[in-house]
Amino acid sequence: MQLIYSGGSETVTFNIDRKTKDLDITSSLTNYKPTSKEWFFLFDKGKEKEQEEATDKLSDKLFIAAINMNMKKNGYTLLKVKC
């Protein structure tokens, strides 16, 4: 799945494969080039294991809602979802 967010003048794209737990991010920090990140990058520091276990049980819709909630805390708005 692909999640595209906007925050200020930045666009962030997450390419997520939940089955293989692959994560690629495109943002200003990666010079807008897809860059592989550790799966735990999606979760809060110190809570990675617990959050991973909780989100593993969620449907795609609820998983997206959980990621979206965290991104909103950081000032990002969900622009587009591709599943």
N, C-alpha and C. Protein backbone atom coordinates (compact mmCIF):
# COMPACT_ATOMS: atom_id res chain seq x y z
N MET A 1 0.85 -1.18 0.00
CA MET A 1 0.00 0.00 0.00
C MET A 1 0.88 1.24 0.00
N GLN A 2 0.32 2.31 -0.47
CA GLN A 2 1.05 3.57 -0.51
C GLN A 2 0.22 4.63 0.19
N LEU A 3 0.85 5.35 1.12
CA LEU A 3 0.21 6.45 1.83
C LEU A 3 0.99 7.72 1.52
N ILE A 4 0.26 8.75 1.08
CA ILE A 4 0.91 10.01 0.73
C ILE A 4 0.38 11.09 1.67
N TYR A 5 1.30 11.78 2.33
CA TYR A 5 0.97 12.82 3.30
C TYR A 5 1.56 14.15 2.88
N SER A 6 0.89 15.21 3.33
CA SER A 6 1.39 16.57 3.13
C SER A 6 1.48 17.25 4.48
N GLY A 7 2.58 17.97 4.69
CA GLY A 7 2.77 18.72 5.92
C GLY A 7 3.60 19.94 5.61
N GLY A 8 3.01 21.10 5.74
CA GLY A 8 3.73 22.33 5.37
C GLY A 8 4.04 22.30 3.90
N SER A 9 5.31 22.44 3.56
CA SER A 9 5.71 22.42 2.15
C SER A 9 6.26 21.05 1.74
N GLU A 10 6.11 20.05 2.60
CA GLU A 10 6.70 18.74 2.34
C GLU A 10 5.63 17.69 2.02
N THR A 11 6.00 16.77 1.16
CA THR A 11 5.19 15.59 0.88
C THR A 11 6.00 14.37 1.31
N VAL A 12 5.33 13.47 2.01
CA VAL A 12 5.97 12.23 2.48
C VAL A 12 5.17 11.06 1.92
N THR A 13 5.87 10.10 1.35
CA THR A 13 5.22 8.91 0.81
C THR A 13 5.77 7.68 1.52
N PHE A 14 4.84 6.86 2.03
CA PHE A 14 5.19 5.57 2.61
C PHE A 14 4.74 4.49 1.64
N ASN A 15 5.65 3.63 1.23
CA ASN A 15 5.32 2.42 0.48
C ASN A 15 5.48 1.28 1.47
N ILE A 16 4.36 0.63 1.79
CA ILE A 16 4.33 -0.35 2.87
C ILE A 16 3.88 -1.71 2.35
N ASP A 17 4.65 -2.73 2.67
CA ASP A 17 4.24 -4.10 2.42
C ASP A 17 4.11 -4.77 3.78
N ARG A 18 2.89 -4.94 4.24
CA ARG A 18 2.65 -5.46 5.59
C ARG A 18 3.03 -6.92 5.71
N LYS A 19 2.93 -7.68 4.64
CA LYS A 19 3.26 -9.11 4.71
C LYS A 19 4.75 -9.33 4.94
N THR A 20 5.58 -8.60 4.20
CA THR A 20 7.03 -8.77 4.32
C THR A 20 7.65 -7.74 5.27
N LYS A 21 6.83 -6.80 5.73
CA LYS A 21 7.26 -5.72 6.62
C LYS A 21 8.39 -4.91 5.99
N ASP A 22 8.19 -4.60 4.72
CA ASP A 22 9.10 -3.71 4.00
C ASP A 22 8.52 -2.30 4.02
N LEU A 23 9.38 -1.34 4.20
CA LEU A 23 8.97 0.06 4.26
C LEU A 23 9.95 0.90 3.46
N ASP A 24 9.43 1.64 2.49
CA ASP A 24 10.21 2.62 1.73
C ASP A 24 9.58 3.98 1.95
N ILE A 25 10.42 4.97 2.18
CA ILE A 25 9.94 6.33 2.43
C ILE A 25 10.56 7.27 1.41
N THR A 26 9.73 8.19 0.93
CA THR A 26 10.18 9.26 0.06
C THR A 26 9.81 10.57 0.74
N SER A 27 10.80 11.43 0.99
CA SER A 27 10.55 12.71 1.65
C SER A 27 11.73 13.65 1.38
N SER A 28 11.64 14.83 1.95
CA SER A 28 12.75 15.77 1.79
C SER A 28 14.03 15.22 2.44
N LEU A 29 13.87 14.43 3.50
CA LEU A 29 15.05 13.84 4.16
C LEU A 29 15.77 12.82 3.28
N THR A 30 15.06 12.27 2.30
CA THR A 30 15.67 11.29 1.39
C THR A 30 15.89 11.89 0.00
N ASN A 31 15.84 13.23 -0.09
CA ASN A 31 15.94 13.93 -1.37
C ASN A 31 14.91 13.42 -2.37
N TYR A 32 13.75 13.06 -1.83
CA TYR A 32 12.61 12.56 -2.61
C TYR A 32 12.96 11.34 -3.46
N LYS A 33 13.86 10.51 -2.93
CA LYS A 33 14.18 9.23 -3.54
C LYS A 33 13.70 8.14 -2.59
N PRO A 34 13.04 7.09 -3.10
CA PRO A 34 12.59 6.01 -2.22
C PRO A 34 13.77 5.41 -1.46
N THR A 35 13.64 5.34 -0.15
CA THR A 35 14.70 4.85 0.72
C THR A 35 14.12 3.81 1.68
N SER A 36 14.77 2.65 1.76
CA SER A 36 14.32 1.61 2.68
C SER A 36 14.58 2.03 4.12
N LYS A 37 13.61 1.78 4.96
CA LYS A 37 13.73 2.05 6.39
C LYS A 37 13.33 0.79 7.14
N GLU A 38 13.81 0.68 8.37
CA GLU A 38 13.41 -0.43 9.23
C GLU A 38 11.92 -0.33 9.51
N TRP A 39 11.27 -1.48 9.63
CA TRP A 39 9.82 -1.53 9.88
C TRP A 39 9.45 -0.72 11.13
N PHE A 40 10.30 -0.76 12.15
CA PHE A 40 10.01 -0.06 13.39
C PHE A 40 9.99 1.46 13.24
N PHE A 41 10.43 1.98 12.11
CA PHE A 41 10.38 3.42 11.84
C PHE A 41 8.94 3.94 11.90
N LEU A 42 7.97 3.05 11.65
CA LEU A 42 6.56 3.43 11.68
C LEU A 42 6.04 3.69 13.09
N PHE A 43 6.76 3.25 14.10
CA PHE A 43 6.24 3.25 15.46
C PHE A 43 7.02 4.20 16.36
N ASP A 44 6.41 4.51 17.51
CA ASP A 44 7.02 5.40 18.50
C ASP A 44 8.23 4.72 19.14
N LYS A 45 9.29 5.49 19.32
CA LYS A 45 10.49 4.95 19.96
C LYS A 45 10.16 4.46 21.37
N GLY A 46 10.67 3.27 21.68
CA GLY A 46 10.42 2.67 22.97
C GLY A 46 9.14 1.86 23.05
N LYS A 47 8.27 2.01 22.04
CA LYS A 47 7.00 1.29 22.04
C LYS A 47 6.86 0.43 20.78
N GLU A 48 7.97 0.26 20.07
CA GLU A 48 7.93 -0.41 18.77
C GLU A 48 7.32 -1.81 18.83
N LYS A 49 7.79 -2.62 19.75
CA LYS A 49 7.34 -4.02 19.82
C LYS A 49 5.84 -4.10 20.12
N GLU A 50 5.39 -3.34 21.10
CA GLU A 50 3.98 -3.35 21.48
C GLU A 50 3.10 -2.84 20.35
N GLN A 51 3.53 -1.75 19.70
CA GLN A 51 2.74 -1.19 18.62
C GLN A 51 2.73 -2.11 17.39
N GLU A 52 3.86 -2.77 17.14
CA GLU A 52 3.90 -3.72 16.03
C GLU A 52 2.92 -4.86 16.28
N GLU A 53 2.94 -5.42 17.48
CA GLU A 53 2.04 -6.52 17.81
C GLU A 53 0.58 -6.09 17.69
N ALA A 54 0.27 -4.89 18.14
CA ALA A 54 -1.10 -4.39 18.07
C ALA A 54 -1.54 -4.16 16.63
N THR A 55 -0.69 -3.57 15.80
CA THR A 55 -1.09 -3.27 14.42
C THR A 55 -1.07 -4.50 13.52
N ASP A 56 -0.30 -5.53 13.89
CA ASP A 56 -0.30 -6.76 13.10
C ASP A 56 -1.69 -7.38 13.02
N LYS A 57 -2.50 -7.16 14.03
CA LYS A 57 -3.83 -7.75 14.12
C LYS A 57 -4.89 -6.93 13.40
N LEU A 58 -4.55 -5.72 12.98
CA LEU A 58 -5.53 -4.81 12.38
C LEU A 58 -5.75 -5.08 10.90
N SER A 59 -6.94 -4.76 10.43
CA SER A 59 -7.22 -4.77 9.00
C SER A 59 -6.43 -3.64 8.35
N ASP A 60 -6.32 -3.64 7.04
CA ASP A 60 -5.62 -2.56 6.35
C ASP A 60 -6.25 -1.20 6.68
N LYS A 61 -7.57 -1.16 6.72
CA LYS A 61 -8.27 0.11 7.00
C LYS A 61 -7.89 0.64 8.39
N LEU A 62 -7.88 -0.23 9.38
CA LEU A 62 -7.54 0.20 10.74
C LEU A 62 -6.05 0.49 10.88
N PHE A 63 -5.22 -0.25 10.16
CA PHE A 63 -3.78 0.00 10.15
C PHE A 63 -3.51 1.41 9.61
N ILE A 64 -4.15 1.75 8.50
CA ILE A 64 -3.99 3.09 7.91
C ILE A 64 -4.47 4.15 8.90
N ALA A 65 -5.57 3.90 9.58
CA ALA A 65 -6.09 4.86 10.56
C ALA A 65 -5.08 5.07 11.70
N ALA A 66 -4.41 4.00 12.13
CA ALA A 66 -3.42 4.11 13.20
C ALA A 66 -2.21 4.94 12.75
N ILE A 67 -1.72 4.69 11.55
CA ILE A 67 -0.60 5.46 11.01
C ILE A 67 -1.02 6.91 10.82
N ASN A 68 -2.23 7.09 10.31
CA ASN A 68 -2.74 8.44 10.07
C ASN A 68 -2.84 9.25 11.36
N MET A 69 -3.28 8.61 12.42
CA MET A 69 -3.39 9.30 13.71
C MET A 69 -2.03 9.81 14.18
N ASN A 70 -1.01 8.98 14.02
CA ASN A 70 0.34 9.36 14.43
C ASN A 70 0.88 10.49 13.54
N MET A 71 0.61 10.41 12.24
CA MET A 71 1.09 11.46 11.33
C MET A 71 0.40 12.79 11.62
N LYS A 72 -0.88 12.75 11.98
CA LYS A 72 -1.60 13.99 12.32
C LYS A 72 -0.95 14.69 13.51
N LYS A 73 -0.47 13.90 14.48
CA LYS A 73 0.21 14.48 15.64
C LYS A 73 1.44 15.29 15.23
N ASN A 74 2.03 14.90 14.11
CA ASN A 74 3.23 15.57 13.60
C ASN A 74 2.92 16.60 12.52
N GLY A 75 1.63 16.92 12.34
CA GLY A 75 1.25 17.99 11.44
C GLY A 75 1.06 17.59 9.98
N TYR A 76 0.88 16.30 9.72
CA TYR A 76 0.71 15.82 8.35
C TYR A 76 -0.74 15.44 8.08
N THR A 77 -1.18 15.68 6.86
CA THR A 77 -2.53 15.35 6.42
C THR A 77 -2.45 14.30 5.33
N LEU A 78 -3.27 13.27 5.44
CA LEU A 78 -3.31 12.21 4.45
C LEU A 78 -3.92 12.73 3.15
N LEU A 79 -3.18 12.62 2.06
CA LEU A 79 -3.65 13.07 0.76
C LEU A 79 -4.23 11.95 -0.08
N LYS A 80 -3.58 10.78 -0.03
CA LYS A 80 -3.97 9.71 -0.93
C LYS A 80 -3.57 8.36 -0.37
N VAL A 81 -4.40 7.36 -0.64
CA VAL A 81 -4.13 5.97 -0.26
C VAL A 81 -4.25 5.11 -1.50
N LYS A 82 -3.25 4.28 -1.75
CA LYS A 82 -3.31 3.30 -2.83
C LYS A 82 -3.07 1.93 -2.20
N CYS A 83 -4.02 1.04 -2.37
CA CYS A 83 -3.87 -0.31 -1.79
C CYS A 83 -3.59 -1.33 -2.87
